[in-house]
C-alpha atoms as a PDB file:
ATOM      1  CA  MET A   1     -79.781-122.408  30.422  1.00  0.00           C
ATOM      2  CA  THR A   2     -76.837-119.954  30.366  1.00  0.00           C
ATOM      3  CA  ASP A   3     -74.078-120.446  33.035  1.00  0.00           C
ATOM      4  CA  ILE A   4     -74.106-118.260  36.020  1.00  0.00           C
ATOM      5  CA  SER A   5     -71.090-115.715  36.176  1.00  0.00           C
ATOM      6  CA  TYR A   6     -69.990-113.515  39.216  1.00  0.00           C
ATOM      7  CA  LEU A   7     -68.166-110.269  39.613  1.00  0.00           C
ATOM      8  CA  ASP A   8     -67.182-108.049  42.554  1.00  0.00           C
ATOM      9  CA  GLY A   9     -69.383-104.767  42.218  1.00  0.00           C
ATOM     10  CA  PRO A  10     -69.553-101.501  43.946  1.00  0.00           C
ATOM     11  CA  GLY A  11     -68.721-101.562  47.593  1.00  0.00           C
ATOM     12  CA  GLY A  12     -67.465-105.238  47.281  1.00  0.00           C
ATOM     13  CA  ARG A  13     -70.882-106.533  46.548  1.00  0.00           C
ATOM     14  CA  ARG A  14     -70.937-110.000  44.917  1.00  0.00           C
ATOM     15  CA  LEU A  15     -73.080-109.929  41.837  1.00  0.00           C
ATOM     16  CA  ALA A  16     -74.372-112.816  39.845  1.00  0.00           C
ATOM     17  CA  TYR A  17     -75.377-112.585  36.133  1.00  0.00           C
ATOM     18  CA  ALA A  18     -75.950-114.724  32.951  1.00  0.00           C
ATOM     19  CA  TYR A  19     -75.011-113.449  29.690  1.00  0.00           C
ATOM     20  CA  THR A  20     -76.067-115.034  26.307  1.00  0.00           C
ATOM     21  CA  GLU A  21     -73.867-114.326  23.154  1.00  0.00           C
ATOM     22  CA  GLY A  22     -75.608-112.932  20.236  1.00  0.00           C
ATOM     23  CA  ALA A  23     -76.232-110.113  17.915  1.00  0.00           C
ATOM     24  CA  GLY A  24     -76.708-106.472  19.297  1.00  0.00           C
ATOM     25  CA  PRO A  25     -78.329-104.620  20.679  1.00  0.00           C
ATOM     26  CA  CYS A  26     -77.975-106.663  23.877  1.00  0.00           C
ATOM     27  CA  VAL A  27     -81.261-107.123  25.739  1.00  0.00           C
ATOM     28  CA  VAL A  28     -80.784-106.523  29.486  1.00  0.00           C
ATOM     29  CA  PHE A  29     -83.535-107.752  31.906  1.00  0.00           C
ATOM     30  CA  LEU A  30     -83.980-105.833  35.197  1.00  0.00           C
ATOM     31  CA  SER A  31     -86.174-107.724  37.730  1.00  0.00           C
ATOM     32  CA  GLY A  32     -88.369-106.361  40.280  1.00  0.00           C
ATOM     33  CA  TYR A  33     -88.446-105.838  44.148  1.00  0.00           C
ATOM     34  CA  LYS A  34     -87.448-109.127  45.764  1.00  0.00           C
ATOM     35  CA  SER A  35     -87.614-110.788  42.386  1.00  0.00           C
ATOM     36  CA  ASP A  36     -84.607-112.201  40.692  1.00  0.00           C
ATOM     37  CA  MET A  37     -83.014-113.444  37.385  1.00  0.00           C
ATOM     38  CA  GLU A  38     -84.538-116.906  37.746  1.00  0.00           C
ATOM     39  CA  GLY A  39     -88.190-115.432  37.377  1.00  0.00           C
ATOM     40  CA  THR A  40     -90.695-116.498  34.619  1.00  0.00           C
ATOM     41  CA  LYS A  41     -90.077-113.412  32.313  1.00  0.00           C
ATOM     42  CA  ALA A  42     -86.359-113.311  32.853  1.00  0.00           C
ATOM     43  CA  VAL A  43     -85.888-117.063  31.897  1.00  0.00           C
ATOM     44  CA  HIS A  44     -88.360-116.968  29.113  1.00  0.00           C
ATOM     45  CA  LEU A  45     -86.605-114.005  27.465  1.00  0.00           C
ATOM     46  CA  GLU A  46     -83.425-115.751  27.579  1.00  0.00           C
ATOM     47  CA  ALA A  47     -84.531-118.476  25.647  1.00  0.00           C
ATOM     48  CA  TRP A  48     -86.397-116.239  23.142  1.00  0.00           C
ATOM     49  CA  ALA A  49     -83.340-114.045  22.736  1.00  0.00           C
ATOM     50  CA  ARG A  50     -81.151-117.302  22.156  1.00  0.00           C
ATOM     51  CA  ALA A  51     -83.692-118.448  19.487  1.00  0.00           C
ATOM     52  CA  GLU A  52     -83.593-115.042  17.836  1.00  0.00           C
ATOM     53  CA  GLY A  53     -79.817-115.027  17.877  1.00  0.00           C
ATOM     54  CA  ARG A  54     -79.966-111.821  20.109  1.00  0.00           C
ATOM     55  CA  ALA A  55     -77.407-111.000  23.057  1.00  0.00           C
ATOM     56  CA  TYR A  56     -79.173-111.180  26.393  1.00  0.00           C
ATOM     57  CA  LEU A  57     -78.332-110.288  29.925  1.00  0.00           C
ATOM     58  CA  ARG A  58     -80.100-111.110  33.283  1.00  0.00           C
ATOM     59  CA  LEU A  59     -78.669-110.304  36.476  1.00  0.00           C
ATOM     60  CA  ASP A  60     -79.390-110.338  40.360  1.00  0.00           C
ATOM     61  CA  TYR A  61     -78.987-107.082  42.468  1.00  0.00           C
ATOM     62  CA  SER A  62     -77.135-107.479  45.783  1.00  0.00           C
ATOM     63  CA  GLY A  63     -79.482-109.058  48.235  1.00  0.00           C
ATOM     64  CA  HIS A  64     -81.513-110.710  45.473  1.00  0.00           C
ATOM     65  CA  GLY A  65     -81.206-114.223  43.995  1.00  0.00           C
ATOM     66  CA  ARG A  66     -77.711-115.723  43.723  1.00  0.00           C
ATOM     67  CA  SER A  67     -75.990-112.300  44.541  1.00  0.00           C
ATOM     68  CA  GLY A  68     -74.307-111.735  47.820  1.00  0.00           C
ATOM     69  CA  GLY A  69     -75.511-109.439  50.556  1.00  0.00           C
ATOM     70  CA  VAL A  70     -78.802-108.968  52.701  1.00  0.00           C
ATOM     71  CA  PHE A  71     -81.874-107.955  51.127  1.00  0.00           C
ATOM     72  CA  GLU A  72     -82.754-105.363  53.956  1.00  0.00           C
ATOM     73  CA  ASP A  73     -79.316-103.836  53.705  1.00  0.00           C
ATOM     74  CA  GLY A  74     -80.055-102.749  49.926  1.00  0.00           C
ATOM     75  CA  CYS A  75     -81.766 -99.635  48.385  1.00  0.00           C
ATOM     76  CA  ILE A  76     -82.739 -98.403  45.009  1.00  0.00           C
ATOM     77  CA  GLY A  77     -79.470 -96.356  44.412  1.00  0.00           C
ATOM     78  CA  GLU A  78     -77.393 -99.303  45.228  1.00  0.00           C
ATOM     79  CA  TRP A  79     -79.146-101.780  43.116  1.00  0.00           C
ATOM     80  CA  ALA A  80     -79.004 -99.368  40.189  1.00  0.00           C
ATOM     81  CA  GLU A  81     -75.223 -99.175  40.737  1.00  0.00           C
ATOM     82  CA  ASP A  82     -75.237-103.127  40.687  1.00  0.00           C
ATOM     83  CA  ALA A  83     -76.927-103.143  37.331  1.00  0.00           C
ATOM     84  CA  GLN A  84     -74.695-100.663  35.892  1.00  0.00           C
ATOM     85  CA  ALA A  85     -71.701-102.539  37.134  1.00  0.00           C
ATOM     86  CA  VAL A  86     -72.872-105.841  35.563  1.00  0.00           C
ATOM     87  CA  ILE A  87     -73.886-104.056  32.205  1.00  0.00           C
ATOM     88  CA  GLU A  88     -70.605-102.494  31.921  1.00  0.00           C
ATOM     89  CA  ALA A  89     -68.598-105.615  32.756  1.00  0.00           C
ATOM     90  CA  ALA A  90     -70.544-108.078  30.670  1.00  0.00           C
ATOM     91  CA  THR A  91     -71.508-106.113  27.519  1.00  0.00           C
ATOM     92  CA  SER A  92     -70.205-103.720  24.986  1.00  0.00           C
ATOM     93  CA  GLY A  93     -72.173-101.553  22.486  1.00  0.00           C
ATOM     94  CA  PRO A  94     -75.887-100.707  22.364  1.00  0.00           C
ATOM     95  CA  VAL A  95     -78.339-102.172  24.852  1.00  0.00           C
ATOM     96  CA  VAL A  96     -82.099-102.176  25.172  1.00  0.00           C
ATOM     97  CA  LEU A  97     -83.326-102.025  28.856  1.00  0.00           C
ATOM     98  CA  VAL A  98     -86.266-104.316  29.785  1.00  0.00           C
ATOM     99  CA  GLY A  99     -87.451-103.333  33.395  1.00  0.00           C
ATOM    100  CA  SER A 100     -90.045-105.255  35.435  1.00  0.00           C
ATOM    101  CA  SER A 101     -91.786-103.478  38.152  1.00  0.00           C
ATOM    102  CA  MET A 102     -88.904-101.918  40.273  1.00  0.00           C
ATOM    103  CA  GLY A 103     -86.576-102.791  37.382  1.00  0.00           C
ATOM    104  CA  GLY A 104     -88.501-100.302  35.316  1.00  0.00           C
ATOM    105  CA  TRP A 105     -87.429 -97.602  37.951  1.00  0.00           C
ATOM    106  CA  ILE A 106     -83.919 -98.777  37.853  1.00  0.00           C
ATOM    107  CA  GLY A 107     -83.955 -98.769  34.053  1.00  0.00           C
ATOM    108  CA  CYS A 108     -85.145 -95.098  34.045  1.00  0.00           C
ATOM    109  CA  LEU A 109     -82.208 -94.314  36.337  1.00  0.00           C
ATOM    110  CA  LEU A 110     -79.593 -96.018  34.109  1.00  0.00           C
ATOM    111  CA  THR A 111     -80.659 -94.135  31.018  1.00  0.00           C
ATOM    112  CA  ARG A 112     -78.731 -91.221  32.571  1.00  0.00           C
ATOM    113  CA  PRO A 113     -75.188 -92.705  33.098  1.00  0.00           C
ATOM    114  CA  LEU A 114     -75.448 -95.436  30.321  1.00  0.00           C
ATOM    115  CA  ARG A 115     -75.168 -93.539  26.920  1.00  0.00           C
ATOM    116  CA  ARG A 116     -75.523 -96.704  24.883  1.00  0.00           C
ATOM    117  CA  VAL A 117     -79.166 -97.429  25.607  1.00  0.00           C
ATOM    118  CA  VAL A 118     -81.120 -97.533  22.262  1.00  0.00           C
ATOM    119  CA  GLY A 119     -84.578 -98.708  23.700  1.00  0.00           C
ATOM    120  CA  PHE A 120     -86.541 -99.125  26.888  1.00  0.00           C
ATOM    121  CA  VAL A 121     -89.363-101.534  27.744  1.00  0.00           C
ATOM    122  CA  GLY A 122     -91.172-101.017  30.957  1.00  0.00           C
ATOM    123  CA  ILE A 123     -93.222-104.002  32.450  1.00  0.00           C
ATOM    124  CA  ALA A 124     -95.595-102.753  35.015  1.00  0.00           C
ATOM    125  CA  ALA A 125     -92.938-100.055  35.709  1.00  0.00           C
ATOM    126  CA  ALA A 126     -92.874 -98.688  39.226  1.00  0.00           C
ATOM    127  CA  PRO A 127     -90.944 -95.597  39.353  1.00  0.00           C
ATOM    128  CA  ASP A 128     -90.799 -93.838  42.714  1.00  0.00           C
ATOM    129  CA  PHE A 129     -92.762 -96.510  44.579  1.00  0.00           C
ATOM    130  CA  THR A 130     -90.965 -96.072  47.703  1.00  0.00           C
ATOM    131  CA  GLU A 131     -92.241 -92.571  47.943  1.00  0.00           C
ATOM    132  CA  ASP A 132     -95.625 -92.841  46.175  1.00  0.00           C
ATOM    133  CA  ALA A 133     -96.727 -96.375  47.314  1.00  0.00           C
ATOM    134  CA  PHE A 134     -94.875 -97.216  50.542  1.00  0.00           C
ATOM    135  CA  TRP A 135     -94.351 -93.779  52.257  1.00  0.00           C
ATOM    136  CA  ALA A 136     -97.603 -92.252  51.071  1.00  0.00           C
ATOM    137  CA  GLY A 137     -99.410 -95.455  52.351  1.00  0.00           C
ATOM    138  CA  PHE A 138     -98.010 -95.546  55.663  1.00  0.00           C
ATOM    139  CA  ASP A 139    -100.247 -94.477  58.601  1.00  0.00           C
ATOM    140  CA  ALA A 140     -98.918 -92.512  61.517  1.00  0.00           C
ATOM    141  CA  ASP A 141     -98.030 -95.556  63.565  1.00  0.00           C
ATOM    142  CA  GLU A 142     -95.986 -97.072  60.665  1.00  0.00           C
ATOM    143  CA  ARG A 143     -94.148 -93.845  60.106  1.00  0.00           C
ATOM    144  CA  THR A 144     -93.272 -93.645  63.825  1.00  0.00           C
ATOM    145  CA  ALA A 145     -92.215 -97.248  63.779  1.00  0.00           C
ATOM    146  CA  LEU A 146     -89.866 -96.558  60.736  1.00  0.00           C
ATOM    147  CA  ALA A 147     -88.244 -93.685  62.621  1.00  0.00           C
ATOM    148  CA  ARG A 148     -87.892 -95.575  65.728  1.00  0.00           C
ATOM    149  CA  ASP A 149     -86.958 -99.083  64.673  1.00  0.00           C
ATOM    150  CA  GLY A 150     -85.484 -98.265  61.058  1.00  0.00           C
ATOM    151  CA  GLN A 151     -87.935-100.563  59.298  1.00  0.00           C
ATOM    152  CA  VAL A 152     -91.517-101.608  59.196  1.00  0.00           C
ATOM    153  CA  ALA A 153     -93.099-104.900  57.765  1.00  0.00           C
ATOM    154  CA  LEU A 154     -95.907-104.748  54.941  1.00  0.00           C
ATOM    155  CA  PRO A 155     -98.015-107.753  53.984  1.00  0.00           C
ATOM    156  CA  SER A 156     -97.280-109.250  50.492  1.00  0.00           C
ATOM    157  CA  GLU A 157     -99.381-111.170  48.436  1.00  0.00           C
ATOM    158  CA  TYR A 158     -96.249-112.994  46.983  1.00  0.00           C
ATOM    159  CA  GLY A 159     -95.162-114.463  50.286  1.00  0.00           C
ATOM    160  CA  ASP A 160     -93.069-113.178  53.157  1.00  0.00           C
ATOM    161  CA  PRO A 161     -93.824-109.716  54.404  1.00  0.00           C
ATOM    162  CA  TYR A 162     -91.971-106.909  52.692  1.00  0.00           C
ATOM    163  CA  ILE A 163     -89.433-105.412  55.181  1.00  0.00           C
ATOM    164  CA  VAL A 164     -89.206-101.724  54.234  1.00  0.00           C
ATOM    165  CA  THR A 165     -86.207 -99.831  55.786  1.00  0.00           C
ATOM    166  CA  ARG A 166     -85.697 -96.208  56.598  1.00  0.00           C
ATOM    167  CA  LYS A 167     -82.590 -96.699  54.395  1.00  0.00           C
ATOM    168  CA  LEU A 168     -84.838 -97.745  51.385  1.00  0.00           C
ATOM    169  CA  ILE A 169     -87.296 -94.639  51.879  1.00  0.00           C
ATOM    170  CA  GLU A 170     -84.551 -92.160  52.282  1.00  0.00           C
ATOM    171  CA  ASP A 171     -82.744 -93.324  49.400  1.00  0.00           C
ATOM    172  CA  GLY A 172     -85.550 -93.502  47.194  1.00  0.00           C
ATOM    173  CA  ARG A 173     -85.981 -89.706  47.705  1.00  0.00           C
ATOM    174  CA  GLU A 174     -82.409 -89.205  46.200  1.00  0.00           C
ATOM    175  CA  ASN A 175     -83.506 -91.283  43.094  1.00  0.00           C
ATOM    176  CA  LEU A 176     -86.969 -90.064  42.243  1.00  0.00           C
ATOM    177  CA  VAL A 177     -87.556 -89.966  38.322  1.00  0.00           C
ATOM    178  CA  LEU A 178     -91.044 -88.530  38.078  1.00  0.00           C
ATOM    179  CA  ARG A 179     -90.040 -85.285  39.802  1.00  0.00           C
ATOM    180  CA  THR A 180     -87.243 -84.455  37.254  1.00  0.00           C
ATOM    181  CA  PRO A 181     -86.839 -84.413  33.472  1.00  0.00           C
ATOM    182  CA  LEU A 182     -86.682 -87.938  32.044  1.00  0.00           C
ATOM    183  CA  ARG A 183     -85.136 -87.885  28.449  1.00  0.00           C
ATOM    184  CA  MET A 184     -85.137 -90.920  26.549  1.00  0.00           C
ATOM    185  CA  ASP A 185     -83.988 -90.284  22.916  1.00  0.00           C
ATOM    186  CA  TYR A 186     -85.040 -93.750  21.505  1.00  0.00           C
ATOM    187  CA  PRO A 187     -88.212 -95.893  21.307  1.00  0.00           C
ATOM    188  CA  VAL A 188     -90.086 -96.602  24.474  1.00  0.00           C
ATOM    189  CA  ARG A 189     -92.746 -99.388  25.097  1.00  0.00           C
ATOM    190  CA  LEU A 190     -94.724 -99.396  28.425  1.00  0.00           C
ATOM    191  CA  LEU A 191     -96.826-102.468  29.181  1.00  0.00           C
ATOM    192  CA  GLN A 192     -99.483-102.607  32.146  1.00  0.00           C
ATOM    193  CA  GLY A 193    -102.165-104.863  33.104  1.00  0.00           C
ATOM    194  CA  THR A 194    -105.515-103.503  34.159  1.00  0.00           C
ATOM    195  CA  GLU A 195    -105.745-106.087  36.953  1.00  0.00           C
ATOM    196  CA  ASP A 196    -102.297-105.150  38.487  1.00  0.00           C
ATOM    197  CA  GLY A 197    -102.670-105.067  42.340  1.00  0.00           C
ATOM    198  CA  SER A 198     -99.264-103.745  43.055  1.00  0.00           C
ATOM    199  CA  VAL A 199     -98.854-100.926  40.251  1.00  0.00           C
ATOM    200  CA  ARG A 200    -101.908 -98.767  39.284  1.00  0.00           C
ATOM    201  CA  ARG A 201    -102.533 -97.855  35.731  1.00  0.00           C
ATOM    202  CA  ASP A 202    -102.105 -94.327  37.029  1.00  0.00           C
ATOM    203  CA  THR A 203     -98.534 -94.905  37.515  1.00  0.00           C
ATOM    204  CA  ALA A 204     -98.125 -96.100  33.811  1.00  0.00           C
ATOM    205  CA  LEU A 205    -100.075 -93.030  32.533  1.00  0.00           C
ATOM    206  CA  ALA A 206     -97.981 -90.764  34.753  1.00  0.00           C
ATOM    207  CA  LEU A 207     -94.712 -92.204  33.142  1.00  0.00           C
ATOM    208  CA  LEU A 208     -96.077 -92.130  29.700  1.00  0.00           C
ATOM    209  CA  ASP A 209     -96.802 -88.362  30.145  1.00  0.00           C
ATOM    210  CA  HIS A 210     -93.412 -87.788  31.782  1.00  0.00           C
ATOM    211  CA  ILE A 211     -91.001 -89.487  29.457  1.00  0.00           C
ATOM    212  CA  ASP A 212     -89.614 -87.077  26.888  1.00  0.00           C
ATOM    213  CA  SER A 213     -89.180 -89.466  23.769  1.00  0.00           C
ATOM    214  CA  PRO A 214     -90.032 -89.117  20.059  1.00  0.00           C
ATOM    215  CA  ASP A 215     -91.656 -92.611  20.163  1.00  0.00           C
ATOM    216  CA  VAL A 216     -93.339 -93.771  23.274  1.00  0.00           C
ATOM    217  CA  ARG A 217     -96.303 -95.928  23.636  1.00  0.00           C
ATOM    218  CA  LEU A 218     -98.392 -97.600  26.449  1.00  0.00           C
ATOM    219  CA  THR A 219    -100.307-100.741  26.049  1.00  0.00           C
ATOM    220  CA  LEU A 220    -102.807-101.600  28.462  1.00  0.00           C
ATOM    221  CA  VAL A 221    -103.799-105.427  28.700  1.00  0.00           C
ATOM    222  CA  LYS A 222    -107.233-105.960  30.091  1.00  0.00           C
ATOM    223  CA  GLY A 223    -107.204-108.742  32.906  1.00  0.00           C
ATOM    224  CA  ALA A 224    -103.553-109.098  33.140  1.00  0.00           C
ATOM    225  CA  ASP A 225    -101.998-108.926  36.743  1.00  0.00           C
ATOM    226  CA  HIS A 226     -98.720-107.634  38.087  1.00  0.00           C
ATOM    227  CA  ARG A 227     -96.923-110.892  37.133  1.00  0.00           C
ATOM    228  CA  PHE A 228     -97.535-110.241  33.395  1.00  0.00           C
ATOM    229  CA  SER A 229     -96.442-113.721  32.695  1.00  0.00           C
ATOM    230  CA  GLU A 230     -99.245-115.249  30.833  1.00  0.00           C
ATOM    231  CA  PRO A 231     -98.339-116.510  27.339  1.00  0.00           C
ATOM    232  CA  GLU A 232    -100.084-113.653  25.577  1.00  0.00           C
ATOM    233  CA  CYS A 233     -98.186-111.363  27.970  1.00  0.00           C
ATOM    234  CA  LEU A 234     -94.796-112.806  27.248  1.00  0.00           C
ATOM    235  CA  ALA A 235     -95.493-112.650  23.408  1.00  0.00           C
ATOM    236  CA  LEU A 236     -96.368-108.928  23.930  1.00  0.00           C
ATOM    237  CA  ILE A 237     -93.055-108.310  25.642  1.00  0.00           C
ATOM    238  CA  GLU A 238     -91.298-110.000  22.785  1.00  0.00           C
ATOM    239  CA  ARG A 239     -92.906-107.822  20.209  1.00  0.00           C
ATOM    240  CA  ALA A 240     -92.123-104.786  22.292  1.00  0.00           C
ATOM    241  CA  ILE A 241     -88.535-105.605  22.557  1.00  0.00           C
ATOM    242  CA  ALA A 242     -88.296-106.327  18.880  1.00  0.00           C
ATOM    243  CA  GLU A 243     -89.837-102.997  18.025  1.00  0.00           C
ATOM    244  CA  VAL A 244     -87.482-100.893  19.973  1.00  0.00           C
ATOM    245  CA  ALA A 245     -84.419-103.023  19.198  1.00  0.00           C
ATOM    246  CA  GLY A 246     -84.966-102.572  15.511  1.00  0.00           C
END
């Protein structure tokens, strides 16, 4: 496994990443909410990229994994800044963004400032989830608690409850991507499991319809869940990356 490197990112946030040398374009894996670069997909794709001779980058946003900071202090905008800082420091030349869940939203945000993106793969991409899932799902008591206490706890099927902060909700509204034009002048592949309990297929369809690209395709995998980490799903991710990377 590749050695972990560190850099001081925006706001002095200490950011961890692992870069594998290889041919471009560099494949950049963007992990999900409360996930990190040690996850199944991130590590599997590193081994795949090495075998293929491709450059590969995985990273941890602040408050995630090996990076510094407290998770509850972060927000979408800051995590996108973290990812951009690592990409700019660790890579040069074209990149393919591979975003899982929240990483799909962050990938959409990065297509604007990063002019060297040449492909995008979204895996159960979750754009705008702070507004369309968290906030939209809050009842009156939860919205009152968020305003009063600055946070609410939501149950999670993956372990500890999600602590949703007022900062996360308010910052999310400043970074919505489904309400404004989303141009991607390169191939796009969206992958979605039909048994995903965290991101509905409606979200994948909305993103498919919203992205302005000459080559965008959505693949629905019957029976796949949000983790999208079964062997056949991992193979599908590999093929999607190879398609958009050329």
